[in-house]
Each structure stands twice: as structure tokens, then as C-alpha cells.
Amino acid sequence: MYGQDDFVLGTKIGLPKYHLVNPEGNFIKGTGFLEGRFVKEVDENGKPTLAVDIIEDLKKRKFIFQTRKL
């Protein structure tokens, strides 16, 4: 829970507070395909790669209900 809204809602509904990212900004052991990856990972052109992989994983597991271009 790293954003204020996430923290407030998570606290309200009793979610546990675990750090999934180490002080260097990499996901810790046990975080699946995210393990060891930098939270602001980008490719050689500066495009985000981690965010794309997370979205693809959510789509694959049918946790994305709607998408739209901004």
C-alpha cells in the first residue's frame, strides 16, 4: 500500500501492511514475475515495461474489466 488512497482504504478494511519493494526500488523475493524488477523499469526508448507486463498479467487472469485509450 504505497499511495495514500490505498493506505487509507487498506487500513479501513484491515489489509495487512507488507513491503513488497526493497529500499532500492526492486520487488522482493516471493513476488512472482515481479521479483527483482525495478518498479520504474523502462526499455531502451524510455517506455514502461513493468507496467505493461502487469497489465498483461491482469488481462490473462481476467482481472481487467475495461480498457480505453487516453
C-alpha atoms as a PDB file:
ATOM      1  CA  MET A   1       0.000   0.000   0.000  1.00  0.00           C
ATOM      2  CA  TYR A   2       2.126   2.855  -1.274  1.00  0.00           C
ATOM      3  CA  GLY A   3      -0.416   5.501  -2.258  1.00  0.00           C
ATOM      4  CA  GLN A   4      -2.380   7.457   0.331  1.00  0.00           C
ATOM      5  CA  ASP A   5      -5.749   6.265  -1.002  1.00  0.00           C
ATOM      6  CA  ASP A   6      -4.562   2.640  -0.982  1.00  0.00           C
ATOM      7  CA  PHE A   7      -3.230   3.023   2.535  1.00  0.00           C
ATOM      8  CA  VAL A   8      -6.445   4.570   3.879  1.00  0.00           C
ATOM      9  CA  LEU A   9      -8.729   2.022   2.219  1.00  0.00           C
ATOM     10  CA  GLY A  10      -6.464  -0.911   3.091  1.00  0.00           C
ATOM     11  CA  THR A  11      -6.335   0.180   6.722  1.00  0.00           C
ATOM     12  CA  LYS A  12     -10.102   0.664   6.806  1.00  0.00           C
ATOM     13  CA  ILE A  13     -10.796  -2.863   5.550  1.00  0.00           C
ATOM     14  CA  GLY A  14      -7.994  -4.494   7.524  1.00  0.00           C
ATOM     15  CA  LEU A  15      -5.489  -5.415   4.815  1.00  0.00           C
ATOM     16  CA  PRO A  16      -2.046  -6.400   6.101  1.00  0.00           C
ATOM     17  CA  LYS A  17       0.773  -3.947   5.507  1.00  0.00           C
ATOM     18  CA  TYR A  18       3.693  -5.671   3.785  1.00  0.00           C
ATOM     19  CA  HIS A  19       6.536  -4.044   1.893  1.00  0.00           C
ATOM     20  CA  LEU A  20       6.853  -5.735  -1.482  1.00  0.00           C
ATOM     21  CA  VAL A  21       9.648  -3.435  -2.658  1.00  0.00           C
ATOM     22  CA  ASN A  22      13.117  -3.130  -1.139  1.00  0.00           C
ATOM     23  CA  PRO A  23      14.812   0.223  -0.427  1.00  0.00           C
ATOM     24  CA  GLU A  24      16.479   0.128  -3.867  1.00  0.00           C
ATOM     25  CA  GLY A  25      13.087   0.002  -5.609  1.00  0.00           C
ATOM     26  CA  ASN A  26      13.117  -3.663  -6.632  1.00  0.00           C
ATOM     27  CA  PHE A  27      10.386  -6.182  -5.906  1.00  0.00           C
ATOM     28  CA  ILE A  28      11.395  -8.628  -3.176  1.00  0.00           C
ATOM     29  CA  LYS A  29      11.597 -12.422  -3.266  1.00  0.00           C
ATOM     30  CA  GLY A  30       8.207 -14.093  -3.411  1.00  0.00           C
ATOM     31  CA  THR A  31       6.536 -11.558  -5.707  1.00  0.00           C
ATOM     32  CA  GLY A  32       6.329 -13.884  -8.686  1.00  0.00           C
ATOM     33  CA  PHE A  33       7.210 -12.467 -12.096  1.00  0.00           C
ATOM     34  CA  LEU A  34       7.884  -9.096 -10.450  1.00  0.00           C
ATOM     35  CA  GLU A  35      10.698 -10.427  -8.265  1.00  0.00           C
ATOM     36  CA  GLY A  36      13.922  -8.466  -8.709  1.00  0.00           C
ATOM     37  CA  ARG A  37      12.411  -5.999 -11.168  1.00  0.00           C
ATOM     38  CA  PHE A  38      12.696  -2.239 -10.676  1.00  0.00           C
ATOM     39  CA  VAL A  39       9.365  -0.513 -10.001  1.00  0.00           C
ATOM     40  CA  LYS A  40      10.016   2.132 -12.676  1.00  0.00           C
ATOM     41  CA  GLU A  41      11.508  -0.263 -15.237  1.00  0.00           C
ATOM     42  CA  VAL A  42      11.628   1.059 -18.807  1.00  0.00           C
ATOM     43  CA  ASP A  43      13.000  -0.153 -22.123  1.00  0.00           C
ATOM     44  CA  GLU A  44      15.814   1.481 -24.090  1.00  0.00           C
ATOM     45  CA  ASN A  45      13.318   4.023 -25.514  1.00  0.00           C
ATOM     46  CA  GLY A  46      12.018   5.029 -22.084  1.00  0.00           C
ATOM     47  CA  LYS A  47       8.699   3.193 -22.421  1.00  0.00           C
ATOM     48  CA  PRO A  48       7.457   1.446 -19.270  1.00  0.00           C
ATOM     49  CA  THR A  49       7.879  -2.316 -19.400  1.00  0.00           C
ATOM     50  CA  LEU A  50       6.888  -3.374 -15.909  1.00  0.00           C
ATOM     51  CA  ALA A  51       3.507  -1.639 -16.114  1.00  0.00           C
ATOM     52  CA  VAL A  52       2.806  -3.322 -19.454  1.00  0.00           C
ATOM     53  CA  ASP A  53       3.702  -6.738 -18.016  1.00  0.00           C
ATOM     54  CA  ILE A  54       1.434  -6.160 -15.010  1.00  0.00           C
ATOM     55  CA  ILE A  55      -1.468  -5.172 -17.265  1.00  0.00           C
ATOM     56  CA  GLU A  56      -0.902  -8.236 -19.465  1.00  0.00           C
ATOM     57  CA  ASP A  57      -0.861 -10.470 -16.379  1.00  0.00           C
ATOM     58  CA  LEU A  58      -4.124  -8.944 -15.142  1.00  0.00           C
ATOM     59  CA  LYS A  59      -5.717  -9.450 -18.579  1.00  0.00           C
ATOM     60  CA  LYS A  60      -4.561 -13.076 -18.685  1.00  0.00           C
ATOM     61  CA  ARG A  61      -6.111 -13.709 -15.270  1.00  0.00           C
ATOM     62  CA  LYS A  62      -9.292 -11.845 -16.333  1.00  0.00           C
ATOM     63  CA  PHE A  63      -8.884  -9.097 -13.710  1.00  0.00           C
ATOM     64  CA  ILE A  64      -9.164  -6.293 -16.287  1.00  0.00           C
ATOM     65  CA  PHE A  65     -12.776  -5.370 -16.805  1.00  0.00           C
ATOM     66  CA  GLN A  66     -12.435  -2.420 -19.166  1.00  0.00           C
ATOM     67  CA  THR A  67      -9.707  -0.612 -21.062  1.00  0.00           C
ATOM     68  CA  ARG A  68      -9.656   2.605 -23.038  1.00  0.00           C
ATOM     69  CA  LYS A  69      -7.078   4.816 -24.695  1.00  0.00           C
ATOM     70  CA  LEU A  70      -6.427   8.186 -23.104  1.00  0.00           C
END
